[in-house]
Every structure is written in structure tokens, then in C-alpha cells.
Protein backbone atom coordinates (compact mmCIF):
# COMPACT_ATOMS: atom_id res chain seq x y z
CA ILE A 1 -0.04 -0.03 -0.04
CA CYS A 2 1.40 3.53 -0.63
CA TYR A 3 0.14 6.95 -0.83
CA ASP A 4 1.68 10.17 -2.70
CA PRO A 5 -0.37 13.23 -3.86
CA TYR A 6 1.02 11.83 -7.83
CA GLN A 7 0.46 8.60 -8.67
CA ASN A 8 2.50 6.45 -10.59
CA ASP A 9 1.44 4.08 -13.47
CA ALA A 10 4.59 2.14 -12.87
CA MET A 11 3.83 1.51 -9.10
CA LYS A 12 0.32 0.10 -10.10
CA GLN A 13 1.36 -2.17 -12.62
CA LEU A 14 4.10 -3.53 -10.17
CA GLY A 15 0.78 -4.15 -7.85
CA GLY A 16 0.67 -0.99 -5.49
CA GLU A 17 -2.27 0.06 -4.07
CA TYR A 18 -2.64 3.62 -3.86
CA MET A 19 -4.70 4.56 -0.39
CA THR A 20 -5.63 8.45 1.25
CA LEU A 21 -3.26 8.96 3.62
CA ASP A 22 -5.41 8.17 6.75
CA GLU A 23 -5.64 4.87 5.31
CA VAL A 24 -2.37 4.11 4.92
CA TYR A 25 -1.85 5.30 8.76
CA SER A 26 -4.67 2.49 9.57
CA HIS A 27 -3.71 -0.11 7.64
CA ALA A 28 0.25 -0.12 7.50
CA ASP A 29 2.05 -2.17 10.20
CA ILE A 30 5.10 -0.16 8.73
CA ILE A 31 5.31 3.38 7.70
CA THR A 32 8.29 4.53 5.64
CA LEU A 33 8.72 8.40 5.02
CA HIS A 34 10.09 9.79 1.58
CA LEU A 35 9.52 13.07 0.67
CA PRO A 36 10.95 16.43 0.79
CA LEU A 37 10.76 18.88 4.03
CA LEU A 38 7.93 21.47 2.67
CA PRO A 39 5.80 23.88 4.66
CA THR A 40 3.02 21.42 3.71
CA THR A 41 4.92 18.54 5.02
CA ARG A 42 6.38 20.02 8.32
CA TYR A 43 5.15 18.12 11.04
CA MET A 44 2.89 15.92 9.57
CA ILE A 45 3.66 12.80 11.76
CA ASN A 46 1.88 14.47 14.78
CA ASN A 47 -0.33 13.42 17.08
CA ALA A 48 -3.30 13.23 15.49
CA ALA A 49 -1.76 11.40 12.95
CA ILE A 50 0.10 8.70 15.51
CA ALA A 51 -3.52 8.14 17.09
CA LYS A 52 -4.58 7.29 13.26
CA MET A 53 -1.88 4.54 13.06
CA LYS A 54 -2.35 0.97 14.07
CA ILE A 55 -1.01 -0.21 17.57
CA GLY A 56 2.64 -1.06 17.16
CA VAL A 57 3.42 1.07 13.94
CA THR A 58 6.88 0.82 12.74
CA ILE A 59 8.03 4.16 11.12
CA VAL A 60 11.05 4.63 9.21
CA ASN A 61 11.98 8.22 8.15
CA VAL A 62 14.22 8.69 5.62
CA SER A 63 13.52 12.03 5.25
CA ARG A 64 14.16 15.61 6.89
CA GLY A 65 14.08 15.53 10.71
CA ALA A 66 11.16 18.05 11.06
CA ILE A 67 8.61 15.38 9.04
CA ILE A 68 7.92 14.34 12.34
CA ASP A 69 6.85 16.01 15.49
CA THR A 70 9.81 14.84 18.16
CA GLN A 71 7.24 15.35 21.53
CA ALA A 72 4.35 13.44 19.20
CA LEU A 73 7.35 10.68 18.47
CA ILE A 74 8.10 10.17 22.04
CA ASN A 75 4.48 10.05 23.26
CA GLY A 76 3.51 7.57 20.81
CA LEU A 77 6.56 5.13 21.30
CA THR A 78 5.35 6.12 25.07
CA THR A 79 1.88 4.37 24.98
CA GLY A 80 3.24 1.75 22.85
CA ARG A 81 1.22 2.86 19.44
CA ILE A 82 4.74 2.91 18.22
CA ARG A 83 6.82 0.10 18.39
CA ALA A 84 9.73 1.12 16.49
CA VAL A 85 11.02 4.15 14.95
CA GLY A 86 13.74 4.38 12.49
CA LEU A 87 15.33 7.66 11.85
CA ASP A 88 18.06 8.75 9.50
């Protein structure tokens, strides 16, 4: 499953299933982030986003650090909503 505001036909041909961001949050066991830091993506992983995620989700951020709100991440880890995190 994947989310991108600009869907790619090659991804679909490989079996990728596009969903809304909220659907990805609620379905994915592992969420990887590959996006630029823009005003619209700054802190996109925040308390509201984390609350929509599956309990025990793993988040891997290979983008800029400010994509994730650090305090929200700590809260998610402390409560068990997030099981593991990988930060680049």
C-alpha cells in the first residue's frame, strides 16, 4: 500500500495499491517516509497522525527530521502506539 499525491502508473503495474494518507495510517504495519521537507510536510507525523496509526506501528523516516514532531514521536513510543522507529 502507498500514498502519493502524484500517483505513478509503474507503481500500480507492480501491484502498489494507492490509498489516502489516513487509510495508510490505519492499515500499515510499517510506514516509511520518503518526501521533501516543505511547509505542507513539516511535522506531518504529529499526535493526530499517530493517533490514526495501528497500535505497534514501525515508522522509518529517511526524509528530513522535521517531517516528524519529536514530542509526538516520544509520546507514541511511550504509549506503545509506535513499537519502533528508524531515523536517518
